[in-house]
Amino acid sequence: MFIRSFVTLILLASTCSSQTGATSISNKEALIRATIARSSAELQKANARFEYRLLATNKTSTMQKEMNHAADEGFRFGGVMGGETSFGGNEVVVAMHKDPANEQRERFQYKLLATSKTSTMQKEMQEAGDAGFEYQGQTIFSSTFGGREVVVILERDREAEKLAWEYRLLATSKTATMQKELSEAGEAGFSFVGVTVASTSLGGKEVVSILRRPRR
């Protein structure tokens, strides 16, 4: 693409030299400058590089702190997974990314919620939703002290217009029941954002689904 644009630039320059009249030359020069700018932008895009930061801890309170520290440096949430690593044991792992060409330092704020009680998670998610935090991801995590926990990560854009969210968390060990509850939530205008299937401390083997809709 860059070579093609450069060839176009040469052809335009040649055409410009054969034209007479100040207006024609001026128009050609403007087109040449635009072609140069476009070619430069395409070259920068082709040479783009990204930075990543991987966070891992067995304490959910530590993870929230580390995520916000990384966000202040321009990183943004990419993905989350809970599980057992070779050296850290049971950990929650978060991947964050940054585009050096479009850094957004101190723009995003994160909140990590972790609990073994789905009723508690519903309450905490709603409090975060009222404050403008938007769902980003969820997993199941075996913490050192909390046992099997549902972990949810939410993000707030400090520069965007505040939009409150209403959340609904559904948890059941029966898929037929989940089907019914999802349908009812859909009819009420809730959109599906995530699901996990795992053992929680109180519910045993559960399907945990999270839905949301703009706060009315």
N, C-alpha and C. Protein backbone atom coordinates (compact mmCIF):
# COMPACT_ATOMS: atom_id res chain seq x y z
N MET A 1 0.83 -1.20 0.00
CA MET A 1 0.00 0.00 0.00
C MET A 1 0.87 1.25 0.00
N PHE A 2 1.93 1.24 0.80
CA PHE A 2 2.80 2.41 0.87
C PHE A 2 3.51 2.64 -0.46
N ILE A 3 3.98 1.52 -1.11
CA ILE A 3 4.67 1.64 -2.39
C ILE A 3 3.73 2.18 -3.44
N ARG A 4 2.49 1.69 -3.44
CA ARG A 4 1.50 2.16 -4.41
C ARG A 4 1.26 3.66 -4.25
N SER A 5 1.16 4.12 -3.00
CA SER A 5 0.94 5.54 -2.76
C SER A 5 2.13 6.36 -3.20
N PHE A 6 3.35 5.80 -3.02
CA PHE A 6 4.54 6.53 -3.41
C PHE A 6 4.62 6.67 -4.93
N VAL A 7 4.22 5.59 -5.64
CA VAL A 7 4.19 5.66 -7.10
C VAL A 7 3.20 6.72 -7.55
N THR A 8 2.05 6.76 -6.89
CA THR A 8 1.04 7.78 -7.20
C THR A 8 1.61 9.17 -7.00
N LEU A 9 2.41 9.33 -5.96
CA LEU A 9 3.03 10.62 -5.65
C LEU A 9 3.94 11.05 -6.78
N ILE A 10 4.74 10.11 -7.30
CA ILE A 10 5.66 10.44 -8.39
C ILE A 10 4.90 10.83 -9.64
N LEU A 11 3.83 10.09 -9.95
CA LEU A 11 3.02 10.41 -11.13
C LEU A 11 2.38 11.78 -11.01
N LEU A 12 1.91 12.11 -9.82
CA LEU A 12 1.30 13.41 -9.60
C LEU A 12 2.33 14.52 -9.76
N ALA A 13 3.52 14.28 -9.26
CA ALA A 13 4.58 15.28 -9.38
C ALA A 13 4.93 15.53 -10.84
N SER A 14 4.97 14.43 -11.61
CA SER A 14 5.28 14.56 -13.03
C SER A 14 4.20 15.32 -13.76
N THR A 15 2.96 15.00 -13.44
CA THR A 15 1.82 15.70 -14.05
C THR A 15 1.84 17.17 -13.70
N CYS A 16 2.18 17.45 -12.46
CA CYS A 16 2.20 18.83 -11.98
C CYS A 16 3.20 19.67 -12.75
N SER A 17 4.37 19.07 -13.06
CA SER A 17 5.42 19.83 -13.75
C SER A 17 5.04 20.14 -15.18
N SER A 18 4.11 19.35 -15.76
CA SER A 18 3.72 19.57 -17.15
C SER A 18 2.54 20.51 -17.28
N GLN A 19 1.91 20.87 -16.14
CA GLN A 19 0.74 21.75 -16.17
C GLN A 19 1.20 23.20 -16.16
N THR A 20 0.38 24.02 -16.71
CA THR A 20 0.62 25.47 -16.67
C THR A 20 -0.51 26.11 -15.91
N GLY A 21 -0.20 27.24 -15.28
CA GLY A 21 -1.22 27.95 -14.52
C GLY A 21 -1.04 27.72 -13.04
N ALA A 22 -1.08 28.80 -12.28
CA ALA A 22 -0.84 28.73 -10.84
C ALA A 22 -1.90 27.91 -10.13
N THR A 23 -3.16 28.02 -10.56
CA THR A 23 -4.25 27.30 -9.90
C THR A 23 -4.09 25.80 -10.03
N SER A 24 -3.75 25.34 -11.24
CA SER A 24 -3.57 23.91 -11.47
C SER A 24 -2.43 23.38 -10.62
N ILE A 25 -1.31 24.11 -10.56
CA ILE A 25 -0.15 23.68 -9.78
C ILE A 25 -0.50 23.63 -8.30
N SER A 26 -1.23 24.62 -7.85
CA SER A 26 -1.61 24.67 -6.43
C SER A 26 -2.47 23.48 -6.05
N ASN A 27 -3.43 23.12 -6.93
CA ASN A 27 -4.28 21.97 -6.66
C ASN A 27 -3.49 20.67 -6.62
N LYS A 28 -2.55 20.55 -7.54
CA LYS A 28 -1.73 19.34 -7.58
C LYS A 28 -0.84 19.25 -6.35
N GLU A 29 -0.31 20.37 -5.92
CA GLU A 29 0.55 20.37 -4.72
C GLU A 29 -0.25 19.95 -3.49
N ALA A 30 -1.49 20.41 -3.40
CA ALA A 30 -2.33 20.04 -2.27
C ALA A 30 -2.61 18.54 -2.27
N LEU A 31 -2.84 17.99 -3.47
CA LEU A 31 -3.09 16.56 -3.59
C LEU A 31 -1.84 15.75 -3.23
N ILE A 32 -0.68 16.27 -3.61
CA ILE A 32 0.58 15.60 -3.29
C ILE A 32 0.79 15.57 -1.77
N ARG A 33 0.53 16.70 -1.12
CA ARG A 33 0.69 16.76 0.34
C ARG A 33 -0.24 15.77 1.03
N ALA A 34 -1.48 15.68 0.54
CA ALA A 34 -2.44 14.74 1.12
C ALA A 34 -1.98 13.30 0.93
N THR A 35 -1.41 13.01 -0.24
CA THR A 35 -0.91 11.66 -0.50
C THR A 35 0.26 11.33 0.41
N ILE A 36 1.14 12.30 0.64
CA ILE A 36 2.27 12.09 1.55
C ILE A 36 1.77 11.80 2.96
N ALA A 37 0.81 12.59 3.43
CA ALA A 37 0.28 12.40 4.78
C ALA A 37 -0.38 11.04 4.92
N ARG A 38 -1.14 10.62 3.90
CA ARG A 38 -1.82 9.33 3.95
C ARG A 38 -0.81 8.19 3.94
N SER A 39 0.22 8.31 3.12
CA SER A 39 1.25 7.27 3.06
C SER A 39 2.00 7.16 4.37
N SER A 40 2.27 8.30 5.00
CA SER A 40 2.96 8.30 6.29
C SER A 40 2.11 7.62 7.36
N ALA A 41 0.80 7.90 7.36
CA ALA A 41 -0.09 7.28 8.33
C ALA A 41 -0.17 5.78 8.13
N GLU A 42 -0.19 5.34 6.85
CA GLU A 42 -0.24 3.91 6.56
C GLU A 42 1.04 3.21 7.01
N LEU A 43 2.18 3.90 6.85
CA LEU A 43 3.45 3.32 7.27
C LEU A 43 3.51 3.19 8.78
N GLN A 44 3.03 4.20 9.50
CA GLN A 44 3.01 4.14 10.96
C GLN A 44 2.11 3.01 11.45
N LYS A 45 0.97 2.83 10.78
CA LYS A 45 0.05 1.76 11.16
C LYS A 45 0.68 0.40 10.94
N ALA A 46 1.41 0.26 9.83
CA ALA A 46 2.06 -1.01 9.51
C ALA A 46 3.14 -1.35 10.53
N ASN A 47 3.75 -0.31 11.12
CA ASN A 47 4.83 -0.52 12.08
C ASN A 47 4.33 -0.48 13.53
N ALA A 48 3.00 -0.56 13.72
CA ALA A 48 2.43 -0.45 15.06
C ALA A 48 2.91 -1.58 15.96
N ARG A 49 3.12 -1.26 17.24
CA ARG A 49 3.52 -2.24 18.23
C ARG A 49 2.60 -2.12 19.43
N PHE A 50 2.41 -3.21 20.15
CA PHE A 50 1.54 -3.21 21.32
C PHE A 50 2.31 -3.72 22.53
N GLU A 51 1.95 -3.22 23.69
CA GLU A 51 2.55 -3.66 24.93
C GLU A 51 1.52 -4.44 25.74
N TYR A 52 2.01 -5.45 26.46
CA TYR A 52 1.12 -6.27 27.28
C TYR A 52 1.66 -6.38 28.70
N ARG A 53 0.74 -6.55 29.63
CA ARG A 53 1.12 -6.77 31.02
C ARG A 53 0.24 -7.88 31.58
N LEU A 54 0.87 -8.92 32.11
CA LEU A 54 0.17 -10.06 32.68
C LEU A 54 0.23 -9.98 34.20
N LEU A 55 -0.94 -9.97 34.83
CA LEU A 55 -1.04 -9.89 36.28
C LEU A 55 -1.56 -11.21 36.83
N ALA A 56 -0.95 -11.68 37.92
CA ALA A 56 -1.38 -12.94 38.53
C ALA A 56 -1.22 -12.84 40.04
N THR A 57 -2.26 -13.22 40.76
CA THR A 57 -2.21 -13.18 42.22
C THR A 57 -3.24 -14.13 42.81
N ASN A 58 -3.01 -14.58 44.03
CA ASN A 58 -3.99 -15.42 44.71
C ASN A 58 -4.85 -14.61 45.67
N LYS A 59 -4.73 -13.27 45.59
CA LYS A 59 -5.55 -12.38 46.41
C LYS A 59 -6.30 -11.42 45.50
N THR A 60 -7.62 -11.50 45.49
CA THR A 60 -8.40 -10.66 44.59
C THR A 60 -8.25 -9.17 44.93
N SER A 61 -8.06 -8.84 46.20
CA SER A 61 -7.89 -7.44 46.58
C SER A 61 -6.61 -6.87 45.97
N THR A 62 -5.58 -7.70 45.88
CA THR A 62 -4.32 -7.28 45.26
C THR A 62 -4.50 -7.07 43.77
N MET A 63 -5.29 -7.92 43.12
CA MET A 63 -5.49 -7.81 41.68
C MET A 63 -6.14 -6.48 41.31
N GLN A 64 -7.15 -6.05 42.05
CA GLN A 64 -7.79 -4.76 41.73
C GLN A 64 -6.78 -3.63 41.81
N LYS A 65 -5.94 -3.64 42.82
CA LYS A 65 -4.93 -2.60 42.98
C LYS A 65 -3.94 -2.61 41.82
N GLU A 66 -3.49 -3.80 41.41
CA GLU A 66 -2.53 -3.90 40.32
C GLU A 66 -3.14 -3.50 38.99
N MET A 67 -4.41 -3.83 38.78
CA MET A 67 -5.08 -3.45 37.54
C MET A 67 -5.19 -1.94 37.42
N ASN A 68 -5.56 -1.27 38.49
CA ASN A 68 -5.69 0.18 38.44
C ASN A 68 -4.34 0.87 38.30
N HIS A 69 -3.31 0.27 38.87
CA HIS A 69 -1.96 0.82 38.70
C HIS A 69 -1.55 0.72 37.23
N ALA A 70 -1.82 -0.43 36.59
CA ALA A 70 -1.51 -0.60 35.18
C ALA A 70 -2.35 0.34 34.31
N ALA A 71 -3.61 0.54 34.68
CA ALA A 71 -4.49 1.44 33.93
C ALA A 71 -3.96 2.87 33.97
N ASP A 72 -3.40 3.29 35.10
CA ASP A 72 -2.83 4.63 35.21
C ASP A 72 -1.64 4.80 34.27
N GLU A 73 -1.01 3.69 33.90
CA GLU A 73 0.13 3.73 32.98
C GLU A 73 -0.29 3.57 31.52
N GLY A 74 -1.60 3.48 31.30
CA GLY A 74 -2.10 3.41 29.93
C GLY A 74 -2.57 2.04 29.47
N PHE A 75 -2.53 1.03 30.35
CA PHE A 75 -2.98 -0.31 29.98
C PHE A 75 -4.49 -0.43 30.17
N ARG A 76 -5.08 -1.34 29.38
CA ARG A 76 -6.51 -1.58 29.46
C ARG A 76 -6.80 -3.08 29.55
N PHE A 77 -7.86 -3.44 30.23
CA PHE A 77 -8.21 -4.84 30.44
C PHE A 77 -8.39 -5.59 29.13
N GLY A 78 -7.84 -6.83 29.09
CA GLY A 78 -7.98 -7.66 27.91
C GLY A 78 -8.75 -8.94 28.17
N GLY A 79 -8.41 -9.64 29.27
CA GLY A 79 -9.09 -10.90 29.56
C GLY A 79 -8.74 -11.39 30.95
N VAL A 80 -9.56 -12.32 31.49
CA VAL A 80 -9.35 -12.85 32.84
C VAL A 80 -9.62 -14.35 32.85
N MET A 81 -8.86 -15.06 33.69
CA MET A 81 -9.08 -16.48 33.87
C MET A 81 -8.59 -16.89 35.25
N GLY A 82 -9.36 -17.70 35.93
CA GLY A 82 -8.95 -18.24 37.22
C GLY A 82 -8.55 -19.69 37.06
N GLY A 83 -7.50 -20.10 37.78
CA GLY A 83 -7.06 -21.49 37.66
C GLY A 83 -5.78 -21.73 38.42
N GLU A 84 -5.20 -22.89 38.19
CA GLU A 84 -3.98 -23.27 38.89
C GLU A 84 -2.78 -23.13 37.97
N THR A 85 -1.80 -22.33 38.38
CA THR A 85 -0.56 -22.15 37.62
C THR A 85 0.54 -23.01 38.24
N SER A 86 1.64 -23.20 37.51
CA SER A 86 2.70 -24.11 37.94
C SER A 86 3.33 -23.70 39.26
N PHE A 87 3.57 -22.39 39.44
CA PHE A 87 4.28 -21.92 40.61
C PHE A 87 3.41 -21.16 41.60
N GLY A 88 2.34 -20.54 41.10
CA GLY A 88 1.54 -19.70 41.98
C GLY A 88 0.38 -20.40 42.64
N GLY A 89 0.14 -21.67 42.27
CA GLY A 89 -1.01 -22.35 42.82
C GLY A 89 -2.29 -21.82 42.19
N ASN A 90 -3.34 -21.72 42.97
CA ASN A 90 -4.61 -21.18 42.47
C ASN A 90 -4.52 -19.67 42.38
N GLU A 91 -4.61 -19.16 41.16
CA GLU A 91 -4.46 -17.72 40.94
C GLU A 91 -5.55 -17.21 39.99
N VAL A 92 -5.78 -15.91 40.07
CA VAL A 92 -6.58 -15.24 39.05
C VAL A 92 -5.58 -14.49 38.18
N VAL A 93 -5.68 -14.69 36.86
CA VAL A 93 -4.74 -14.12 35.90
C VAL A 93 -5.46 -13.14 35.00
N VAL A 94 -4.92 -11.94 34.88
CA VAL A 94 -5.50 -10.89 34.04
C VAL A 94 -4.47 -10.41 33.02
N ALA A 95 -4.88 -10.33 31.76
CA ALA A 95 -4.02 -9.79 30.70
C ALA A 95 -4.50 -8.38 30.36
N MET A 96 -3.55 -7.43 30.29
CA MET A 96 -3.87 -6.05 29.93
C MET A 96 -2.99 -5.63 28.76
N HIS A 97 -3.48 -4.69 27.96
CA HIS A 97 -2.76 -4.28 26.75
C HIS A 97 -2.72 -2.76 26.62
N LYS A 98 -1.73 -2.29 25.84
CA LYS A 98 -1.59 -0.85 25.61
C LYS A 98 -1.10 -0.59 24.20
N ASP A 99 -1.69 0.40 23.55
CA ASP A 99 -1.25 0.85 22.24
C ASP A 99 -0.40 2.11 22.46
N PRO A 100 0.94 2.01 22.33
CA PRO A 100 1.81 3.17 22.58
C PRO A 100 1.47 4.38 21.72
N ALA A 101 0.88 4.14 20.54
CA ALA A 101 0.54 5.24 19.65
C ALA A 101 -0.74 5.96 20.08
N ASN A 102 -1.47 5.35 21.01
CA ASN A 102 -2.73 5.95 21.47
C ASN A 102 -2.89 5.71 22.96
N GLU A 103 -1.92 6.18 23.73
CA GLU A 103 -1.93 5.96 25.17
C GLU A 103 -3.08 6.72 25.84
N GLN A 104 -3.69 6.08 26.80
CA GLN A 104 -4.81 6.68 27.52
C GLN A 104 -4.55 6.54 29.02
N ARG A 105 -3.55 7.24 29.50
CA ARG A 105 -3.16 7.16 30.90
C ARG A 105 -4.24 7.73 31.82
N GLU A 106 -4.47 7.02 32.91
CA GLU A 106 -5.39 7.45 33.96
C GLU A 106 -6.81 7.70 33.44
N ARG A 107 -7.18 7.01 32.35
CA ARG A 107 -8.53 7.19 31.81
C ARG A 107 -9.50 6.15 32.37
N PHE A 108 -9.05 4.90 32.48
CA PHE A 108 -9.95 3.83 32.90
C PHE A 108 -9.71 3.42 34.35
N GLN A 109 -10.79 3.07 35.01
CA GLN A 109 -10.75 2.62 36.40
C GLN A 109 -11.41 1.26 36.50
N TYR A 110 -10.84 0.37 37.31
CA TYR A 110 -11.35 -0.99 37.39
C TYR A 110 -11.81 -1.35 38.80
N LYS A 111 -12.82 -2.22 38.82
CA LYS A 111 -13.33 -2.75 40.07
C LYS A 111 -13.44 -4.27 39.93
N LEU A 112 -12.86 -4.98 40.88
CA LEU A 112 -12.91 -6.44 40.87
C LEU A 112 -13.76 -6.90 42.05
N LEU A 113 -14.80 -7.66 41.73
CA LEU A 113 -15.70 -8.18 42.76
C LEU A 113 -15.50 -9.68 42.88
N ALA A 114 -15.42 -10.17 44.11
CA ALA A 114 -15.22 -11.60 44.33
C ALA A 114 -15.99 -12.04 45.57
N THR A 115 -16.84 -13.03 45.40
CA THR A 115 -17.61 -13.55 46.54
C THR A 115 -18.10 -14.95 46.24
N SER A 116 -18.32 -15.72 47.30
CA SER A 116 -18.86 -17.07 47.15
C SER A 116 -20.39 -17.06 47.24
N LYS A 117 -20.98 -15.90 47.49
CA LYS A 117 -22.43 -15.77 47.60
C LYS A 117 -22.96 -14.97 46.42
N THR A 118 -23.79 -15.60 45.59
CA THR A 118 -24.32 -14.92 44.41
C THR A 118 -25.20 -13.73 44.77
N SER A 119 -25.89 -13.81 45.92
CA SER A 119 -26.72 -12.68 46.34
C SER A 119 -25.86 -11.46 46.66
N THR A 120 -24.70 -11.71 47.25
CA THR A 120 -23.77 -10.62 47.55
C THR A 120 -23.22 -10.03 46.25
N MET A 121 -22.90 -10.90 45.29
CA MET A 121 -22.38 -10.43 44.01
C MET A 121 -23.41 -9.55 43.29
N GLN A 122 -24.67 -9.95 43.33
CA GLN A 122 -25.73 -9.16 42.70
C GLN A 122 -25.76 -7.75 43.29
N LYS A 123 -25.70 -7.66 44.61
CA LYS A 123 -25.74 -6.37 45.29
C LYS A 123 -24.53 -5.52 44.94
N GLU A 124 -23.34 -6.11 44.96
CA GLU A 124 -22.11 -5.36 44.69
C GLU A 124 -22.03 -4.92 43.23
N MET A 125 -22.50 -5.78 42.32
CA MET A 125 -22.52 -5.41 40.91
C MET A 125 -23.45 -4.23 40.67
N GLN A 126 -24.61 -4.23 41.33
CA GLN A 126 -25.55 -3.15 41.14
C GLN A 126 -25.00 -1.83 41.67
N GLU A 127 -24.31 -1.88 42.79
CA GLU A 127 -23.69 -0.67 43.33
C GLU A 127 -22.66 -0.13 42.36
N ALA A 128 -21.88 -1.03 41.75
CA ALA A 128 -20.88 -0.61 40.76
C ALA A 128 -21.56 -0.08 39.50
N GLY A 129 -22.65 -0.74 39.08
CA GLY A 129 -23.38 -0.29 37.90
C GLY A 129 -23.97 1.09 38.08
N ASP A 130 -24.46 1.39 39.28
CA ASP A 130 -25.00 2.73 39.56
C ASP A 130 -23.91 3.79 39.49
N ALA A 131 -22.67 3.37 39.74
CA ALA A 131 -21.54 4.30 39.70
C ALA A 131 -20.92 4.40 38.30
N GLY A 132 -21.53 3.70 37.32
CA GLY A 132 -21.05 3.81 35.94
C GLY A 132 -20.06 2.75 35.51
N PHE A 133 -19.87 1.71 36.31
CA PHE A 133 -18.95 0.64 35.94
C PHE A 133 -19.64 -0.34 35.00
N GLU A 134 -18.92 -0.73 33.95
CA GLU A 134 -19.46 -1.61 32.91
C GLU A 134 -18.77 -2.98 32.96
N TYR A 135 -19.55 -4.04 32.84
CA TYR A 135 -19.04 -5.41 32.86
C TYR A 135 -17.98 -5.63 31.79
N GLN A 136 -16.88 -6.35 32.18
CA GLN A 136 -15.83 -6.69 31.23
C GLN A 136 -15.53 -8.19 31.17
N GLY A 137 -15.64 -8.89 32.30
CA GLY A 137 -15.33 -10.32 32.27
C GLY A 137 -15.62 -10.98 33.60
N GLN A 138 -15.63 -12.33 33.59
CA GLN A 138 -15.89 -13.08 34.82
C GLN A 138 -15.17 -14.42 34.77
N THR A 139 -14.94 -15.00 35.95
CA THR A 139 -14.32 -16.31 36.06
C THR A 139 -14.64 -16.89 37.42
N ILE A 140 -14.21 -18.12 37.67
CA ILE A 140 -14.31 -18.76 38.97
C ILE A 140 -12.91 -18.92 39.52
N PHE A 141 -12.73 -18.64 40.79
CA PHE A 141 -11.39 -18.56 41.36
C PHE A 141 -11.36 -19.17 42.75
N SER A 142 -10.36 -20.02 43.03
CA SER A 142 -10.18 -20.58 44.36
C SER A 142 -9.19 -19.71 45.11
N SER A 143 -9.69 -18.84 45.97
CA SER A 143 -8.82 -17.93 46.71
C SER A 143 -8.27 -18.59 47.96
N THR A 144 -7.25 -17.99 48.54
CA THR A 144 -6.60 -18.55 49.72
C THR A 144 -7.55 -18.62 50.90
N PHE A 145 -8.35 -17.57 51.09
CA PHE A 145 -9.23 -17.50 52.26
C PHE A 145 -10.71 -17.60 51.93
N GLY A 146 -11.07 -17.22 50.71
CA GLY A 146 -12.50 -17.15 50.38
C GLY A 146 -13.08 -18.41 49.80
N GLY A 147 -12.22 -19.42 49.52
CA GLY A 147 -12.72 -20.63 48.89
C GLY A 147 -13.07 -20.39 47.43
N ARG A 148 -14.04 -21.14 46.89
CA ARG A 148 -14.45 -20.98 45.50
C ARG A 148 -15.30 -19.72 45.37
N GLU A 149 -14.82 -18.79 44.54
CA GLU A 149 -15.49 -17.50 44.40
C GLU A 149 -15.81 -17.19 42.95
N VAL A 150 -16.89 -16.47 42.74
CA VAL A 150 -17.19 -15.88 41.44
C VAL A 150 -16.47 -14.54 41.38
N VAL A 151 -15.70 -14.32 40.33
CA VAL A 151 -14.95 -13.07 40.16
C VAL A 151 -15.49 -12.32 38.95
N VAL A 152 -15.82 -11.06 39.14
CA VAL A 152 -16.33 -10.21 38.05
C VAL A 152 -15.49 -8.94 37.98
N ILE A 153 -15.10 -8.56 36.76
CA ILE A 153 -14.31 -7.34 36.55
C ILE A 153 -15.16 -6.32 35.80
N LEU A 154 -15.16 -5.10 36.31
CA LEU A 154 -15.92 -4.00 35.70
C LEU A 154 -14.99 -2.83 35.43
N GLU A 155 -15.37 -2.03 34.44
CA GLU A 155 -14.52 -0.91 34.00
C GLU A 155 -15.35 0.37 33.91
N ARG A 156 -14.73 1.50 34.29
CA ARG A 156 -15.38 2.81 34.14
C ARG A 156 -14.46 3.74 33.37
N ASP A 157 -15.03 4.40 32.37
CA ASP A 157 -14.31 5.36 31.55
C ASP A 157 -14.49 6.74 32.17
N ARG A 158 -13.43 7.31 32.71
CA ARG A 158 -13.53 8.60 33.39
C ARG A 158 -13.86 9.74 32.43
N GLU A 159 -13.55 9.56 31.14
CA GLU A 159 -13.75 10.64 30.17
C GLU A 159 -15.10 10.56 29.46
N ALA A 160 -15.78 9.44 29.58
CA ALA A 160 -17.06 9.27 28.90
C ALA A 160 -18.21 9.78 29.77
N GLU A 161 -19.32 10.07 29.11
CA GLU A 161 -20.51 10.47 29.85
C GLU A 161 -20.98 9.31 30.72
N LYS A 162 -21.27 9.57 31.95
CA LYS A 162 -21.65 8.52 32.88
C LYS A 162 -22.95 7.85 32.45
N LEU A 163 -22.90 6.52 32.35
CA LEU A 163 -24.07 5.73 32.01
C LEU A 163 -24.23 4.64 33.06
N ALA A 164 -25.33 4.68 33.80
CA ALA A 164 -25.57 3.68 34.85
C ALA A 164 -26.11 2.40 34.22
N TRP A 165 -25.75 1.26 34.84
CA TRP A 165 -26.18 -0.04 34.35
C TRP A 165 -26.96 -0.78 35.42
N GLU A 166 -27.97 -1.53 34.97
CA GLU A 166 -28.70 -2.41 35.87
C GLU A 166 -28.28 -3.84 35.55
N TYR A 167 -27.83 -4.56 36.57
CA TYR A 167 -27.33 -5.92 36.37
C TYR A 167 -28.28 -6.96 36.96
N ARG A 168 -28.27 -8.13 36.34
CA ARG A 168 -29.02 -9.26 36.88
C ARG A 168 -28.11 -10.49 36.83
N LEU A 169 -27.89 -11.10 37.98
CA LEU A 169 -27.06 -12.30 38.08
C LEU A 169 -27.95 -13.50 38.33
N LEU A 170 -27.82 -14.51 37.47
CA LEU A 170 -28.61 -15.72 37.58
C LEU A 170 -27.69 -16.88 37.93
N ALA A 171 -28.05 -17.68 38.92
CA ALA A 171 -27.23 -18.82 39.33
C ALA A 171 -28.12 -20.00 39.67
N THR A 172 -27.85 -21.13 39.03
CA THR A 172 -28.64 -22.33 39.30
C THR A 172 -27.87 -23.57 38.88
N SER A 173 -28.19 -24.68 39.48
CA SER A 173 -27.55 -25.95 39.13
C SER A 173 -28.34 -26.69 38.04
N LYS A 174 -29.47 -26.14 37.63
CA LYS A 174 -30.30 -26.77 36.62
C LYS A 174 -30.34 -25.91 35.36
N THR A 175 -29.90 -26.48 34.24
CA THR A 175 -29.87 -25.72 32.98
C THR A 175 -31.27 -25.35 32.52
N ALA A 176 -32.25 -26.21 32.82
CA ALA A 176 -33.63 -25.90 32.43
C ALA A 176 -34.12 -24.65 33.14
N THR A 177 -33.74 -24.53 34.41
CA THR A 177 -34.11 -23.33 35.18
C THR A 177 -33.41 -22.11 34.62
N MET A 178 -32.13 -22.27 34.25
CA MET A 178 -31.38 -21.15 33.67
C MET A 178 -32.02 -20.69 32.37
N GLN A 179 -32.45 -21.65 31.54
CA GLN A 179 -33.12 -21.31 30.29
C GLN A 179 -34.33 -20.43 30.55
N LYS A 180 -35.13 -20.80 31.51
CA LYS A 180 -36.34 -20.05 31.84
C LYS A 180 -36.00 -18.66 32.35
N GLU A 181 -35.02 -18.57 33.25
CA GLU A 181 -34.66 -17.27 33.83
C GLU A 181 -34.02 -16.35 32.80
N LEU A 182 -33.22 -16.91 31.88
CA LEU A 182 -32.63 -16.11 30.81
C LEU A 182 -33.71 -15.54 29.91
N SER A 183 -34.70 -16.37 29.58
CA SER A 183 -35.79 -15.91 28.72
C SER A 183 -36.57 -14.77 29.37
N GLU A 184 -36.83 -14.91 30.66
CA GLU A 184 -37.55 -13.87 31.38
C GLU A 184 -36.75 -12.57 31.42
N ALA A 185 -35.44 -12.69 31.64
CA ALA A 185 -34.59 -11.51 31.67
C ALA A 185 -34.52 -10.85 30.30
N GLY A 186 -34.49 -11.68 29.25
CA GLY A 186 -34.45 -11.14 27.88
C GLY A 186 -35.70 -10.36 27.55
N GLU A 187 -36.84 -10.86 27.99
CA GLU A 187 -38.11 -10.16 27.76
C GLU A 187 -38.16 -8.83 28.51
N ALA A 188 -37.38 -8.74 29.59
CA ALA A 188 -37.34 -7.50 30.37
C ALA A 188 -36.29 -6.52 29.84
N GLY A 189 -35.62 -6.90 28.74
CA GLY A 189 -34.67 -5.99 28.12
C GLY A 189 -33.23 -6.16 28.54
N PHE A 190 -32.92 -7.23 29.27
CA PHE A 190 -31.55 -7.48 29.69
C PHE A 190 -30.79 -8.21 28.58
N SER A 191 -29.56 -7.76 28.31
CA SER A 191 -28.71 -8.42 27.32
C SER A 191 -27.66 -9.26 28.03
N PHE A 192 -27.36 -10.41 27.47
CA PHE A 192 -26.40 -11.35 28.05
C PHE A 192 -24.98 -10.85 27.85
N VAL A 193 -24.13 -10.94 28.92
CA VAL A 193 -22.74 -10.51 28.79
C VAL A 193 -21.73 -11.59 29.15
N GLY A 194 -22.11 -12.59 29.99
CA GLY A 194 -21.13 -13.60 30.33
C GLY A 194 -21.69 -14.75 31.13
N VAL A 195 -20.97 -15.90 31.11
CA VAL A 195 -21.40 -17.08 31.84
C VAL A 195 -20.18 -17.88 32.28
N THR A 196 -20.29 -18.52 33.45
CA THR A 196 -19.28 -19.46 33.92
C THR A 196 -20.01 -20.70 34.45
N VAL A 197 -19.34 -21.83 34.35
CA VAL A 197 -19.88 -23.08 34.88
C VAL A 197 -18.81 -23.69 35.77
N ALA A 198 -19.07 -23.73 37.07
CA ALA A 198 -18.06 -24.24 37.99
C ALA A 198 -18.68 -24.45 39.35
N SER A 199 -17.85 -24.98 40.28
CA SER A 199 -18.30 -25.19 41.65
C SER A 199 -18.10 -23.93 42.46
N THR A 200 -19.14 -23.48 43.13
CA THR A 200 -19.01 -22.37 44.08
C THR A 200 -19.19 -22.95 45.48
N SER A 201 -18.76 -22.19 46.48
CA SER A 201 -18.75 -22.71 47.85
C SER A 201 -20.11 -23.12 48.35
N LEU A 202 -21.15 -22.34 48.02
CA LEU A 202 -22.46 -22.60 48.59
C LEU A 202 -23.41 -23.30 47.62
N GLY A 203 -23.24 -23.04 46.34
CA GLY A 203 -24.21 -23.57 45.38
C GLY A 203 -23.81 -24.89 44.76
N GLY A 204 -22.59 -25.38 45.02
CA GLY A 204 -22.13 -26.58 44.35
C GLY A 204 -21.86 -26.30 42.89
N LYS A 205 -22.17 -27.26 42.02
CA LYS A 205 -21.98 -27.05 40.59
C LYS A 205 -23.08 -26.13 40.07
N GLU A 206 -22.69 -24.94 39.63
CA GLU A 206 -23.68 -23.95 39.21
C GLU A 206 -23.33 -23.34 37.85
N VAL A 207 -24.37 -22.95 37.16
CA VAL A 207 -24.23 -22.10 35.98
C VAL A 207 -24.51 -20.67 36.45
N VAL A 208 -23.55 -19.78 36.24
CA VAL A 208 -23.69 -18.39 36.68
C VAL A 208 -23.70 -17.49 35.45
N SER A 209 -24.82 -16.84 35.18
CA SER A 209 -24.95 -15.94 34.02
C SER A 209 -25.15 -14.51 34.51
N ILE A 210 -24.59 -13.57 33.75
CA ILE A 210 -24.73 -12.15 34.07
C ILE A 210 -25.32 -11.42 32.87
N LEU A 211 -26.31 -10.59 33.14
CA LEU A 211 -26.97 -9.79 32.11
C LEU A 211 -27.03 -8.34 32.56
N ARG A 212 -27.28 -7.44 31.62
CA ARG A 212 -27.35 -6.03 31.96
C ARG A 212 -28.30 -5.30 31.02
N ARG A 213 -28.71 -4.10 31.47
CA ARG A 213 -29.46 -3.18 30.63
C ARG A 213 -29.19 -1.78 31.14
N PRO A 214 -29.31 -0.76 30.31
CA PRO A 214 -29.12 0.60 30.78
C PRO A 214 -30.09 0.93 31.92
N ARG A 215 -29.60 1.64 32.91
CA ARG A 215 -30.42 1.95 34.08
C ARG A 215 -31.58 2.85 33.68
N ARG A 216 -32.78 2.50 34.09
CA ARG A 216 -33.97 3.27 33.75
C ARG A 216 -34.29 4.27 34.84
